[in-house]
Structures are given as structure tokens and as C-alpha cells.
Amino acid sequence: MVRTALLSLACALLATAAGAQTAPEPTPERAAQLVRMVRQDCGSCHGMRLTGGLGPALTREALAAKPPEYLAAVITHGIPGTPMPPWSALLQGSEALWIARQLAGGFPNETNRSPAP
């Protein structure tokens, strides 16, 4: 069962990686929607600051050894047998890759947030 799940994830990773170099950037409006999705939806399991919770931390340090293409495949297809769901119904592959690259770079970038009053 685990072997089949890992094989499926590996196949998804290869398919995602094939289009990785030509993935278009989201529009500014869509990027803002994706940022909200990560902060709200991903944050509900991975912690509101993405430092871990039910799911593992999604910090730059925690993801350093994972290629963005792998992370995009996990976002798109989930991890069978775990609470990590697939997001393919809401995200295109290029959007999952954009999120993965943002996470690997230290997303969400706290310096872009409005200062507290």
C-alpha cells in the first residue's frame, strides 16, 4: 500500500517536473488569492505561521532538502494515507509549483505584511 502510494507520488512528480521550466507566473490577483489560500487553508494544518501543527512545518529550513517539483506534486496530489489532501481541484499544476517555490523561498514573506498599528 505504501509502496503504491510512493510510486504514484513519484509518477506525479515526474509529470509535474516535465512542465516545471515553462510554468507561467500567476497574475497579481491570482497570486494574492494563492497567498490567502496558503495562509488560511494550509495554515489550518501546518500552523498559522507555517511552523508546524497537525502537518509539518513549511518553513524555508524545513523544506531546504525538498525540490519545488516534489512539493508541487505533494500539493497537487496529496499524500495517500495521511491527512494531506490533494488540491488539484482548486489549483493548476503551475500554481502548485508557484506555491512550492514561494514556500522554499520563505513564504509567506513577513516583510510584505502591513506593520501592526
PDB file of N, CA and C in Angstrom:
ATOM      1  N   MET A   1       0.828  -1.192   0.000  1.00  0.00           N
ATOM      2  CA  MET A   1       0.000   0.000   0.000  1.00  0.00           C
ATOM      3  C   MET A   1       0.876   1.262   0.000  1.00  0.00           C
ATOM      4  N   VAL A   2       1.834   1.330   0.922  1.00  0.00           N
ATOM      5  CA  VAL A   2       2.728   2.481   0.985  1.00  0.00           C
ATOM      6  C   VAL A   2       3.570   2.549  -0.281  1.00  0.00           C
ATOM      7  N   ARG A   3       4.025   1.390  -0.759  1.00  0.00           N
ATOM      8  CA  ARG A   3       4.843   1.361  -1.972  1.00  0.00           C
ATOM      9  C   ARG A   3       4.063   1.903  -3.167  1.00  0.00           C
ATOM     10  N   THR A   4       2.792   1.518  -3.271  1.00  0.00           N
ATOM     11  CA  THR A   4       1.948   2.007  -4.356  1.00  0.00           C
ATOM     12  C   THR A   4       1.758   3.517  -4.252  1.00  0.00           C
ATOM     13  N   ALA A   5       1.544   4.008  -3.035  1.00  0.00           N
ATOM     14  CA  ALA A   5       1.366   5.449  -2.839  1.00  0.00           C
ATOM     15  C   ALA A   5       2.631   6.202  -3.222  1.00  0.00           C
ATOM     16  N   LEU A   6       3.786   5.682  -2.831  1.00  0.00           N
ATOM     17  CA  LEU A   6       5.049   6.336  -3.174  1.00  0.00           C
ATOM     18  C   LEU A   6       5.300   6.299  -4.672  1.00  0.00           C
ATOM     19  N   LEU A   7       4.956   5.190  -5.311  1.00  0.00           N
ATOM     20  CA  LEU A   7       5.112   5.084  -6.758  1.00  0.00           C
ATOM     21  C   LEU A   7       4.204   6.084  -7.472  1.00  0.00           C
ATOM     22  N   SER A   8       2.974   6.217  -6.995  1.00  0.00           N
ATOM     23  CA  SER A   8       2.050   7.187  -7.581  1.00  0.00           C
ATOM     24  C   SER A   8       2.578   8.601  -7.425  1.00  0.00           C
ATOM     25  N   LEU A   9       3.111   8.903  -6.239  1.00  0.00           N
ATOM     26  CA  LEU A   9       3.662  10.228  -6.000  1.00  0.00           C
ATOM     27  C   LEU A   9       4.883  10.478  -6.880  1.00  0.00           C
ATOM     28  N   ALA A  10       5.712   9.463  -7.075  1.00  0.00           N
ATOM     29  CA  ALA A  10       6.888   9.607  -7.940  1.00  0.00           C
ATOM     30  C   ALA A  10       6.468   9.884  -9.381  1.00  0.00           C
ATOM     31  N   CYS A  11       5.446   9.194  -9.855  1.00  0.00           N
ATOM     32  CA  CYS A  11       4.949   9.436 -11.216  1.00  0.00           C
ATOM     33  C   CYS A  11       4.392  10.852 -11.343  1.00  0.00           C
ATOM     34  N   ALA A  12       3.674  11.283 -10.322  1.00  0.00           N
ATOM     35  CA  ALA A  12       3.139  12.644 -10.333  1.00  0.00           C
ATOM     36  C   ALA A  12       4.267  13.661 -10.336  1.00  0.00           C
ATOM     37  N   LEU A  13       5.313  13.382  -9.583  1.00  0.00           N
ATOM     38  CA  LEU A  13       6.468  14.275  -9.528  1.00  0.00           C
ATOM     39  C   LEU A  13       7.107  14.408 -10.905  1.00  0.00           C
ATOM     40  N   LEU A  14       7.270  13.290 -11.593  1.00  0.00           N
ATOM     41  CA  LEU A  14       7.862  13.333 -12.930  1.00  0.00           C
ATOM     42  C   LEU A  14       6.993  14.129 -13.897  1.00  0.00           C
ATOM     43  N   ALA A  15       5.693  13.947 -13.801  1.00  0.00           N
ATOM     44  CA  ALA A  15       4.785  14.685 -14.678  1.00  0.00           C
ATOM     45  C   ALA A  15       4.830  16.175 -14.373  1.00  0.00           C
ATOM     46  N   THR A  16       4.902  16.521 -13.097  1.00  0.00           N
ATOM     47  CA  THR A  16       4.978  17.926 -12.706  1.00  0.00           C
ATOM     48  C   THR A  16       6.298  18.531 -13.150  1.00  0.00           C
ATOM     49  N   ALA A  17       7.382  17.803 -12.964  1.00  0.00           N
ATOM     50  CA  ALA A  17       8.712  18.311 -13.312  1.00  0.00           C
ATOM     51  C   ALA A  17       8.842  18.562 -14.810  1.00  0.00           C
ATOM     52  N   ALA A  18       8.126  17.791 -15.611  1.00  0.00           N
ATOM     53  CA  ALA A  18       8.223  17.942 -17.059  1.00  0.00           C
ATOM     54  C   ALA A  18       7.795  19.334 -17.513  1.00  0.00           C
ATOM     55  N   GLY A  19       6.810  19.921 -16.829  1.00  0.00           N
ATOM     56  CA  GLY A  19       6.357  21.253 -17.207  1.00  0.00           C
ATOM     57  C   GLY A  19       6.884  22.351 -16.315  1.00  0.00           C
ATOM     58  N   ALA A  20       7.794  22.020 -15.422  1.00  0.00           N
ATOM     59  CA  ALA A  20       8.257  22.981 -14.419  1.00  0.00           C
ATOM     60  C   ALA A  20       8.971  24.182 -15.014  1.00  0.00           C
ATOM     61  N   GLN A  21       9.741  23.997 -16.049  1.00  0.00           N
ATOM     62  CA  GLN A  21      10.528  25.093 -16.595  1.00  0.00           C
ATOM     63  C   GLN A  21       9.676  26.122 -17.327  1.00  0.00           C
ATOM     64  N   THR A  22       8.501  25.730 -17.802  1.00  0.00           N
ATOM     65  CA  THR A  22       7.673  26.638 -18.578  1.00  0.00           C
ATOM     66  C   THR A  22       6.446  27.118 -17.810  1.00  0.00           C
ATOM     67  N   ALA A  23       6.399  26.891 -16.502  1.00  0.00           N
ATOM     68  CA  ALA A  23       5.234  27.274 -15.713  1.00  0.00           C
ATOM     69  C   ALA A  23       5.092  28.795 -15.684  1.00  0.00           C
ATOM     70  N   PRO A  24       3.926  29.311 -16.102  1.00  0.00           N
ATOM     71  CA  PRO A  24       3.730  30.759 -16.084  1.00  0.00           C
ATOM     72  C   PRO A  24       3.512  31.270 -14.661  1.00  0.00           C
ATOM     73  N   GLU A  25       3.886  32.515 -14.434  1.00  0.00           N
ATOM     74  CA  GLU A  25       3.630  33.156 -13.143  1.00  0.00           C
ATOM     75  C   GLU A  25       2.138  33.488 -13.066  1.00  0.00           C
ATOM     76  N   PRO A  26       1.534  33.386 -11.883  1.00  0.00           N
ATOM     77  CA  PRO A  26       0.127  33.782 -11.773  1.00  0.00           C
ATOM     78  C   PRO A  26      -0.007  35.302 -11.900  1.00  0.00           C
ATOM     79  N   THR A  27      -1.184  35.741 -12.289  1.00  0.00           N
ATOM     80  CA  THR A  27      -1.444  37.181 -12.325  1.00  0.00           C
ATOM     81  C   THR A  27      -1.343  37.719 -10.898  1.00  0.00           C
ATOM     82  N   PRO A  28      -1.159  39.015 -10.726  1.00  0.00           N
ATOM     83  CA  PRO A  28      -1.109  39.566  -9.365  1.00  0.00           C
ATOM     84  C   PRO A  28      -2.368  39.251  -8.548  1.00  0.00           C
ATOM     85  N   GLU A  29      -3.532  39.267  -9.202  1.00  0.00           N
ATOM     86  CA  GLU A  29      -4.777  38.953  -8.499  1.00  0.00           C
ATOM     87  C   GLU A  29      -4.792  37.500  -8.044  1.00  0.00           C
ATOM     88  N   ARG A  30      -4.383  36.598  -8.935  1.00  0.00           N
ATOM     89  CA  ARG A  30      -4.367  35.179  -8.576  1.00  0.00           C
ATOM     90  C   ARG A  30      -3.295  34.912  -7.525  1.00  0.00           C
ATOM     91  N   ALA A  31      -2.155  35.574  -7.629  1.00  0.00           N
ATOM     92  CA  ALA A  31      -1.101  35.408  -6.624  1.00  0.00           C
ATOM     93  C   ALA A  31      -1.625  35.804  -5.249  1.00  0.00           C
ATOM     94  N   ALA A  32      -2.396  36.884  -5.176  1.00  0.00           N
ATOM     95  CA  ALA A  32      -2.974  37.305  -3.893  1.00  0.00           C
ATOM     96  C   ALA A  32      -3.935  36.247  -3.362  1.00  0.00           C
ATOM     97  N   GLN A  33      -4.729  35.631  -4.256  1.00  0.00           N
ATOM     98  CA  GLN A  33      -5.629  34.552  -3.840  1.00  0.00           C
ATOM     99  C   GLN A  33      -4.834  33.358  -3.322  1.00  0.00           C
ATOM    100  N   LEU A  34      -3.746  33.026  -4.002  1.00  0.00           N
ATOM    101  CA  LEU A  34      -2.921  31.893  -3.584  1.00  0.00           C
ATOM    102  C   LEU A  34      -2.265  32.161  -2.233  1.00  0.00           C
ATOM    103  N   VAL A  35      -1.831  33.385  -2.010  1.00  0.00           N
ATOM    104  CA  VAL A  35      -1.241  33.747  -0.717  1.00  0.00           C
ATOM    105  C   VAL A  35      -2.277  33.559   0.387  1.00  0.00           C
ATOM    106  N   ARG A  36      -3.504  34.039   0.157  1.00  0.00           N
ATOM    107  CA  ARG A  36      -4.572  33.846   1.149  1.00  0.00           C
ATOM    108  C   ARG A  36      -4.836  32.370   1.385  1.00  0.00           C
ATOM    109  N   MET A  37      -4.848  31.581   0.308  1.00  0.00           N
ATOM    110  CA  MET A  37      -5.100  30.151   0.446  1.00  0.00           C
ATOM    111  C   MET A  37      -4.036  29.503   1.325  1.00  0.00           C
ATOM    112  N   VAL A  38      -2.777  29.827   1.070  1.00  0.00           N
ATOM    113  CA  VAL A  38      -1.695  29.243   1.869  1.00  0.00           C
ATOM    114  C   VAL A  38      -1.844  29.658   3.322  1.00  0.00           C
ATOM    115  N   ARG A  39      -2.063  30.938   3.560  1.00  0.00           N
ATOM    116  CA  ARG A  39      -2.162  31.421   4.939  1.00  0.00           C
ATOM    117  C   ARG A  39      -3.354  30.823   5.664  1.00  0.00           C
ATOM    118  N   GLN A  40      -4.497  30.691   4.997  1.00  0.00           N
ATOM    119  CA  GLN A  40      -5.700  30.216   5.667  1.00  0.00           C
ATOM    120  C   GLN A  40      -5.844  28.698   5.602  1.00  0.00           C
ATOM    121  N   ASP A  41      -5.839  28.153   4.392  1.00  0.00           N
ATOM    122  CA  ASP A  41      -6.107  26.726   4.243  1.00  0.00           C
ATOM    123  C   ASP A  41      -4.921  25.868   4.668  1.00  0.00           C
ATOM    124  N   CYS A  42      -3.739  26.180   4.165  1.00  0.00           N
ATOM    125  CA  CYS A  42      -2.558  25.401   4.562  1.00  0.00           C
ATOM    126  C   CYS A  42      -2.248  25.648   6.035  1.00  0.00           C
ATOM    127  N   GLY A  43      -2.421  26.913   6.453  1.00  0.00           N
ATOM    128  CA  GLY A  43      -2.146  27.273   7.839  1.00  0.00           C
ATOM    129  C   GLY A  43      -3.027  26.558   8.838  1.00  0.00           C
ATOM    130  N   SER A  44      -4.218  26.118   8.429  1.00  0.00           N
ATOM    131  CA  SER A  44      -5.096  25.421   9.369  1.00  0.00           C
ATOM    132  C   SER A  44      -4.509  24.088   9.826  1.00  0.00           C
ATOM    133  N   CYS A  45      -3.658  23.481   9.033  1.00  0.00           N
ATOM    134  CA  CYS A  45      -2.995  22.229   9.436  1.00  0.00           C
ATOM    135  C   CYS A  45      -1.509  22.425   9.743  1.00  0.00           C
ATOM    136  N   HIS A  46      -0.859  23.295   9.000  1.00  0.00           N
ATOM    137  CA  HIS A  46       0.594  23.471   9.136  1.00  0.00           C
ATOM    138  C   HIS A  46       0.953  24.604  10.095  1.00  0.00           C
ATOM    139  N   GLY A  47      -0.047  25.174  10.752  1.00  0.00           N
ATOM    140  CA  GLY A  47       0.173  26.276  11.682  1.00  0.00           C
ATOM    141  C   GLY A  47       0.024  27.604  10.967  1.00  0.00           C
ATOM    142  N   MET A  48      -0.551  28.567  11.642  1.00  0.00           N
ATOM    143  CA  MET A  48      -0.819  29.860  11.013  1.00  0.00           C
ATOM    144  C   MET A  48       0.452  30.573  10.563  1.00  0.00           C
ATOM    145  N   ARG A  49       1.576  30.255  11.174  1.00  0.00           N
ATOM    146  CA  ARG A  49       2.864  30.800  10.722  1.00  0.00           C
ATOM    147  C   ARG A  49       3.656  29.751   9.940  1.00  0.00           C
ATOM    148  N   LEU A  50       2.978  28.639   9.611  1.00  0.00           N
ATOM    149  CA  LEU A  50       3.556  27.539   8.837  1.00  0.00           C
ATOM    150  C   LEU A  50       4.757  26.899   9.539  1.00  0.00           C
ATOM    151  N   THR A  51       4.765  26.977  10.862  1.00  0.00           N
ATOM    152  CA  THR A  51       5.858  26.392  11.639  1.00  0.00           C
ATOM    153  C   THR A  51       5.509  25.011  12.171  1.00  0.00           C
ATOM    154  N   GLY A  52       4.397  24.455  11.735  1.00  0.00           N
ATOM    155  CA  GLY A  52       4.012  23.104  12.113  1.00  0.00           C
ATOM    156  C   GLY A  52       2.768  23.095  12.977  1.00  0.00           C
ATOM    157  N   GLY A  53       2.068  22.001  12.917  1.00  0.00           N
ATOM    158  CA  GLY A  53       0.832  21.781  13.659  1.00  0.00           C
ATOM    159  C   GLY A  53       0.466  20.331  13.432  1.00  0.00           C
ATOM    160  N   LEU A  54      -0.736  20.079  12.919  1.00  0.00           N
ATOM    161  CA  LEU A  54      -1.103  18.726  12.509  1.00  0.00           C
ATOM    162  C   LEU A  54      -0.154  18.268  11.407  1.00  0.00           C
ATOM    163  N   GLY A  55       0.158  19.167  10.493  1.00  0.00           N
ATOM    164  CA  GLY A  55       1.117  18.890   9.422  1.00  0.00           C
ATOM    165  C   GLY A  55       2.487  19.439   9.781  1.00  0.00           C
ATOM    166  N   PRO A  56       3.510  19.042   9.049  1.00  0.00           N
ATOM    167  CA  PRO A  56       4.874  19.508   9.351  1.00  0.00           C
ATOM    168  C   PRO A  56       5.061  20.990   9.016  1.00  0.00           C
ATOM    169  N   ALA A  57       6.138  21.542   9.514  1.00  0.00           N
ATOM    170  CA  ALA A  57       6.492  22.932   9.222  1.00  0.00           C
ATOM    171  C   ALA A  57       6.737  23.111   7.725  1.00  0.00           C
ATOM    172  N   LEU A  58       6.358  24.273   7.221  1.00  0.00           N
ATOM    173  CA  LEU A  58       6.586  24.617   5.816  1.00  0.00           C
ATOM    174  C   LEU A  58       7.541  25.801   5.712  1.00  0.00           C
ATOM    175  N   THR A  59       8.472  25.862   6.625  1.00  0.00           N
ATOM    176  CA  THR A  59       9.459  26.939   6.624  1.00  0.00           C
ATOM    177  C   THR A  59      10.560  26.637   5.616  1.00  0.00           C
ATOM    178  N   ARG A  60      11.304  27.672   5.268  1.00  0.00           N
ATOM    179  CA  ARG A  60      12.426  27.511   4.334  1.00  0.00           C
ATOM    180  C   ARG A  60      13.388  26.434   4.833  1.00  0.00           C
ATOM    181  N   GLU A  61      13.685  26.460   6.125  1.00  0.00           N
ATOM    182  CA  GLU A  61      14.627  25.490   6.695  1.00  0.00           C
ATOM    183  C   GLU A  61      14.079  24.064   6.615  1.00  0.00           C
ATOM    184  N   ALA A  62      12.798  23.900   6.916  1.00  0.00           N
ATOM    185  CA  ALA A  62      12.191  22.568   6.898  1.00  0.00           C
ATOM    186  C   ALA A  62      12.109  21.994   5.485  1.00  0.00           C
ATOM    187  N   LEU A  63      12.022  22.855   4.486  1.00  0.00           N
ATOM    188  CA  LEU A  63      11.850  22.407   3.101  1.00  0.00           C
ATOM    189  C   LEU A  63      13.139  22.439   2.289  1.00  0.00           C
ATOM    190  N   ALA A  64      14.238  22.799   2.908  1.00  0.00           N
ATOM    191  CA  ALA A  64      15.500  23.018   2.187  1.00  0.00           C
ATOM    192  C   ALA A  64      15.936  21.831   1.330  1.00  0.00           C
ATOM    193  N   ALA A  65      15.696  20.611   1.771  1.00  0.00           N
ATOM    194  CA  ALA A  65      16.164  19.430   1.040  1.00  0.00           C
ATOM    195  C   ALA A  65      15.137  18.905   0.035  1.00  0.00           C
ATOM    196  N   LYS A  66      13.990  19.576  -0.079  1.00  0.00           N
ATOM    197  CA  LYS A  66      12.929  19.091  -0.958  1.00  0.00           C
ATOM    198  C   LYS A  66      12.825  19.980  -2.201  1.00  0.00           C
ATOM    199  N   PRO A  67      12.973  19.414  -3.384  1.00  0.00           N
ATOM    200  CA  PRO A  67      12.858  20.214  -4.614  1.00  0.00           C
ATOM    201  C   PRO A  67      11.440  20.777  -4.771  1.00  0.00           C
ATOM    202  N   PRO A  68      11.303  21.970  -5.334  1.00  0.00           N
ATOM    203  CA  PRO A  68       9.975  22.545  -5.548  1.00  0.00           C
ATOM    204  C   PRO A  68       9.047  21.633  -6.355  1.00  0.00           C
ATOM    205  N   GLU A  69       9.599  20.877  -7.297  1.00  0.00           N
ATOM    206  CA  GLU A  69       8.764  19.970  -8.096  1.00  0.00           C
ATOM    207  C   GLU A  69       8.147  18.879  -7.222  1.00  0.00           C
ATOM    208  N   TYR A  70       8.895  18.390  -6.250  1.00  0.00           N
ATOM    209  CA  TYR A  70       8.362  17.398  -5.309  1.00  0.00           C
ATOM    210  C   TYR A  70       7.247  18.033  -4.484  1.00  0.00           C
ATOM    211  N   LEU A  71       7.498  19.229  -3.953  1.00  0.00           N
ATOM    212  CA  LEU A  71       6.498  19.916  -3.141  1.00  0.00           C
ATOM    213  C   LEU A  71       5.234  20.181  -3.956  1.00  0.00           C
ATOM    214  N   ALA A  72       5.394  20.577  -5.213  1.00  0.00           N
ATOM    215  CA  ALA A  72       4.238  20.822  -6.081  1.00  0.00           C
ATOM    216  C   ALA A  72       3.426  19.547  -6.280  1.00  0.00           C
ATOM    217  N   ALA A  73       4.095  18.417  -6.428  1.00  0.00           N
ATOM    218  CA  ALA A  73       3.389  17.140  -6.585  1.00  0.00           C
ATOM    219  C   ALA A  73       2.617  16.795  -5.319  1.00  0.00           C
ATOM    220  N   VAL A  74       3.211  17.055  -4.159  1.00  0.00           N
ATOM    221  CA  VAL A  74       2.515  16.799  -2.892  1.00  0.00           C
ATOM    222  C   VAL A  74       1.302  17.714  -2.775  1.00  0.00           C
ATOM    223  N   ILE A  75       1.461  18.986  -3.109  1.00  0.00           N
ATOM    224  CA  ILE A  75       0.338  19.925  -3.057  1.00  0.00           C
ATOM    225  C   ILE A  75      -0.768  19.467  -4.005  1.00  0.00           C
ATOM    226  N   THR A  76      -0.408  19.096  -5.201  1.00  0.00           N
ATOM    227  CA  THR A  76      -1.386  18.716  -6.219  1.00  0.00           C
ATOM    228  C   THR A  76      -2.087  17.405  -5.900  1.00  0.00           C
ATOM    229  N   HIS A  77      -1.315  16.397  -5.479  1.00  0.00           N
ATOM    230  CA  HIS A  77      -1.862  15.045  -5.337  1.00  0.00           C
ATOM    231  C   HIS A  77      -2.063  14.596  -3.903  1.00  0.00           C
ATOM    232  N   GLY A  78      -1.604  15.373  -2.920  1.00  0.00           N
ATOM    233  CA  GLY A  78      -1.719  14.961  -1.532  1.00  0.00           C
ATOM    234  C   GLY A  78      -0.784  13.801  -1.240  1.00  0.00           C
ATOM    235  N   ILE A  79      -0.918  13.251  -0.045  1.00  0.00           N
ATOM    236  CA  ILE A  79      -0.142  12.071   0.339  1.00  0.00           C
ATOM    237  C   ILE A  79      -1.131  11.033   0.842  1.00  0.00           C
ATOM    238  N   PRO A  80      -1.396   9.997   0.042  1.00  0.00           N
ATOM    239  CA  PRO A  80      -2.360   8.973   0.444  1.00  0.00           C
ATOM    240  C   PRO A  80      -2.007   8.375   1.805  1.00  0.00           C
ATOM    241  N   GLY A  81      -3.037   8.134   2.607  1.00  0.00           N
ATOM    242  CA  GLY A  81      -2.840   7.536   3.920  1.00  0.00           C
ATOM    243  C   GLY A  81      -2.464   8.540   4.998  1.00  0.00           C
ATOM    244  N   THR A  82      -2.430   9.831   4.643  1.00  0.00           N
ATOM    245  CA  THR A  82      -2.126  10.890   5.608  1.00  0.00           C
ATOM    246  C   THR A  82      -3.228  11.951   5.516  1.00  0.00           C
ATOM    247  N   PRO A  83      -3.249  12.905   6.441  1.00  0.00           N
ATOM    248  CA  PRO A  83      -4.246  13.979   6.348  1.00  0.00           C
ATOM    249  C   PRO A  83      -4.012  14.965   5.200  1.00  0.00           C
ATOM    250  N   MET A  84      -2.862  14.874   4.502  1.00  0.00           N
ATOM    251  CA  MET A  84      -2.564  15.826   3.422  1.00  0.00           C
ATOM    252  C   MET A  84      -3.440  15.529   2.211  1.00  0.00           C
ATOM    253  N   PRO A  85      -4.401  16.449   1.920  1.00  0.00           N
ATOM    254  CA  PRO A  85      -5.310  16.208   0.798  1.00  0.00           C
ATOM    255  C   PRO A  85      -4.722  16.685  -0.527  1.00  0.00           C
ATOM    256  N   PRO A  86      -5.277  16.197  -1.629  1.00  0.00           N
ATOM    257  CA  PRO A  86      -4.898  16.747  -2.931  1.00  0.00           C
ATOM    258  C   PRO A  86      -5.613  18.081  -3.143  1.00  0.00           C
ATOM    259  N   TRP A  87      -4.927  19.024  -3.751  1.00  0.00           N
ATOM    260  CA  TRP A  87      -5.507  20.337  -4.036  1.00  0.00           C
ATOM    261  C   TRP A  87      -5.728  20.530  -5.532  1.00  0.00           C
ATOM    262  N   SER A  88      -5.684  19.451  -6.302  1.00  0.00           N
ATOM    263  CA  SER A  88      -5.805  19.555  -7.762  1.00  0.00           C
ATOM    264  C   SER A  88      -7.148  20.121  -8.214  1.00  0.00           C
ATOM    265  N   ALA A  89      -8.186  20.008  -7.399  1.00  0.00           N
ATOM    266  CA  ALA A  89      -9.487  20.556  -7.785  1.00  0.00           C
ATOM    267  C   ALA A  89      -9.499  22.086  -7.729  1.00  0.00           C
ATOM    268  N   LEU A  90      -8.583  22.665  -6.959  1.00  0.00           N
ATOM    269  CA  LEU A  90      -8.554  24.120  -6.786  1.00  0.00           C
ATOM    270  C   LEU A  90      -7.346  24.798  -7.407  1.00  0.00           C
ATOM    271  N   LEU A  91      -6.328  24.014  -7.743  1.00  0.00           N
ATOM    272  CA  LEU A  91      -5.075  24.580  -8.238  1.00  0.00           C
ATOM    273  C   LEU A  91      -4.644  23.936  -9.546  1.00  0.00           C
ATOM    274  N   GLN A  92      -4.095  24.737 -10.429  1.00  0.00           N
ATOM    275  CA  GLN A  92      -3.427  24.196 -11.610  1.00  0.00           C
ATOM    276  C   GLN A  92      -2.026  23.779 -11.186  1.00  0.00           C
ATOM    277  N   GLY A  93      -1.408  22.916 -11.958  1.00  0.00           N
ATOM    278  CA  GLY A  93      -0.052  22.468 -11.645  1.00  0.00           C
ATOM    279  C   GLY A  93       0.936  23.618 -11.540  1.00  0.00           C
ATOM    280  N   SER A  94       0.799  24.618 -12.419  1.00  0.00           N
ATOM    281  CA  SER A  94       1.709  25.767 -12.376  1.00  0.00           C
ATOM    282  C   SER A  94       1.517  26.575 -11.098  1.00  0.00           C
ATOM    283  N   GLU A  95       0.294  26.617 -10.586  1.00  0.00           N
ATOM    284  CA  GLU A  95       0.030  27.333  -9.338  1.00  0.00           C
ATOM    285  C   GLU A  95       0.617  26.588  -8.148  1.00  0.00           C
ATOM    286  N   ALA A  96       0.506  25.263  -8.167  1.00  0.00           N
ATOM    287  CA  ALA A  96       1.116  24.463  -7.098  1.00  0.00           C
ATOM    288  C   ALA A  96       2.628  24.649  -7.101  1.00  0.00           C
ATOM    289  N   LEU A  97       3.218  24.711  -8.285  1.00  0.00           N
ATOM    290  CA  LEU A  97       4.662  24.929  -8.379  1.00  0.00           C
ATOM    291  C   LEU A  97       5.025  26.327  -7.885  1.00  0.00           C
ATOM    292  N   TRP A  98       4.222  27.319  -8.194  1.00  0.00           N
ATOM    293  CA  TRP A  98       4.467  28.676  -7.712  1.00  0.00           C
ATOM    294  C   TRP A  98       4.436  28.704  -6.183  1.00  0.00           C
ATOM    295  N   ILE A  99       3.423  28.054  -5.597  1.00  0.00           N
ATOM    296  CA  ILE A  99       3.334  27.981  -4.135  1.00  0.00           C
ATOM    297  C   ILE A  99       4.561  27.281  -3.576  1.00  0.00           C
ATOM    298  N   ALA A 100       4.949  26.166  -4.183  1.00  0.00           N
ATOM    299  CA  ALA A 100       6.119  25.413  -3.703  1.00  0.00           C
ATOM    300  C   ALA A 100       7.370  26.281  -3.729  1.00  0.00           C
ATOM    301  N   ARG A 101       7.541  27.037  -4.796  1.00  0.00           N
ATOM    302  CA  ARG A 101       8.719  27.913  -4.892  1.00  0.00           C
ATOM    303  C   ARG A 101       8.664  29.028  -3.849  1.00  0.00           C
ATOM    304  N   GLN A 102       7.470  29.544  -3.598  1.00  0.00           N
ATOM    305  CA  GLN A 102       7.326  30.572  -2.568  1.00  0.00           C
ATOM    306  C   GLN A 102       7.652  29.996  -1.191  1.00  0.00           C
ATOM    307  N   LEU A 103       7.155  28.801  -0.907  1.00  0.00           N
ATOM    308  CA  LEU A 103       7.446  28.155   0.377  1.00  0.00           C
ATOM    309  C   LEU A 103       8.943  27.912   0.535  1.00  0.00           C
ATOM    310  N   ALA A 104       9.577  27.413  -0.515  1.00  0.00           N
ATOM    311  CA  ALA A 104      11.015  27.132  -0.457  1.00  0.00           C
ATOM    312  C   ALA A 104      11.825  28.412  -0.262  1.00  0.00           C
ATOM    313  N   GLY A 105      11.274  29.540  -0.679  1.00  0.00           N
ATOM    314  CA  GLY A 105      11.962  30.813  -0.530  1.00  0.00           C
ATOM    315  C   GLY A 105      11.638  31.551   0.757  1.00  0.00           C
ATOM    316  N   GLY A 106      10.820  30.960   1.619  1.00  0.00           N
ATOM    317  CA  GLY A 106      10.485  31.585   2.885  1.00  0.00           C
ATOM    318  C   GLY A 106       9.105  32.216   2.926  1.00  0.00           C
ATOM    319  N   PHE A 107       8.167  31.636   2.269  1.00  0.00           N
ATOM    320  CA  PHE A 107       6.787  32.125   2.187  1.00  0.00           C
ATOM    321  C   PHE A 107       6.040  31.777   3.457  1.00  0.00           C
ATOM    322  N   PRO A 108       5.145  32.572   3.997  1.00  0.00           N
ATOM    323  CA  PRO A 108       4.858  33.907   3.498  1.00  0.00           C
ATOM    324  C   PRO A 108       5.916  34.894   3.955  1.00  0.00           C
ATOM    325  N   ASN A 109       6.222  35.806   3.097  1.00  0.00           N
ATOM    326  CA  ASN A 109       7.255  36.794   3.384  1.00  0.00           C
ATOM    327  C   ASN A 109       6.692  37.821   4.356  1.00  0.00           C
ATOM    328  N   GLU A 110       7.086  37.715   5.595  1.00  0.00           N
ATOM    329  CA  GLU A 110       6.563  38.595   6.632  1.00  0.00           C
ATOM    330  C   GLU A 110       6.894  40.058   6.366  1.00  0.00           C
ATOM    331  N   THR A 111       7.948  40.350   5.613  1.00  0.00           N
ATOM    332  CA  THR A 111       8.309  41.745   5.354  1.00  0.00           C
ATOM    333  C   THR A 111       7.314  42.425   4.428  1.00  0.00           C
ATOM    334  N   ASN A 112       6.487  41.642   3.726  1.00  0.00           N
ATOM    335  CA  ASN A 112       5.487  42.232   2.833  1.00  0.00           C
ATOM    336  C   ASN A 112       4.169  42.514   3.542  1.00  0.00           C
ATOM    337  N   ARG A 113       4.057  42.137   4.791  1.00  0.00           N
ATOM    338  CA  ARG A 113       2.820  42.340   5.525  1.00  0.00           C
ATOM    339  C   ARG A 113       2.781  43.753   6.090  1.00  0.00           C
ATOM    340  N   SER A 114       1.591  44.247   6.287  1.00  0.00           N
ATOM    341  CA  SER A 114       1.442  45.582   6.860  1.00  0.00           C
ATOM    342  C   SER A 114       1.925  45.579   8.299  1.00  0.00           C
ATOM    343  N   PRO A 115       2.597  46.647   8.733  1.00  0.00           N
ATOM    344  CA  PRO A 115       3.043  46.696  10.117  1.00  0.00           C
ATOM    345  C   PRO A 115       1.857  46.786  11.063  1.00  0.00           C
ATOM    346  N   ALA A 116       2.029  46.227  12.240  1.00  0.00           N
ATOM    347  CA  ALA A 116       0.968  46.270  13.247  1.00  0.00           C
ATOM    348  C   ALA A 116       0.767  47.708  13.709  1.00  0.00           C
ATOM    349  N   PRO A 117      -0.499  48.119  13.961  1.00  0.00           N
ATOM    350  CA  PRO A 117      -0.752  49.501  14.406  1.00  0.00           C
ATOM    351  C   PRO A 117      -0.234  49.733  15.809  1.00  0.00           C
TER     352      PRO A 117
END
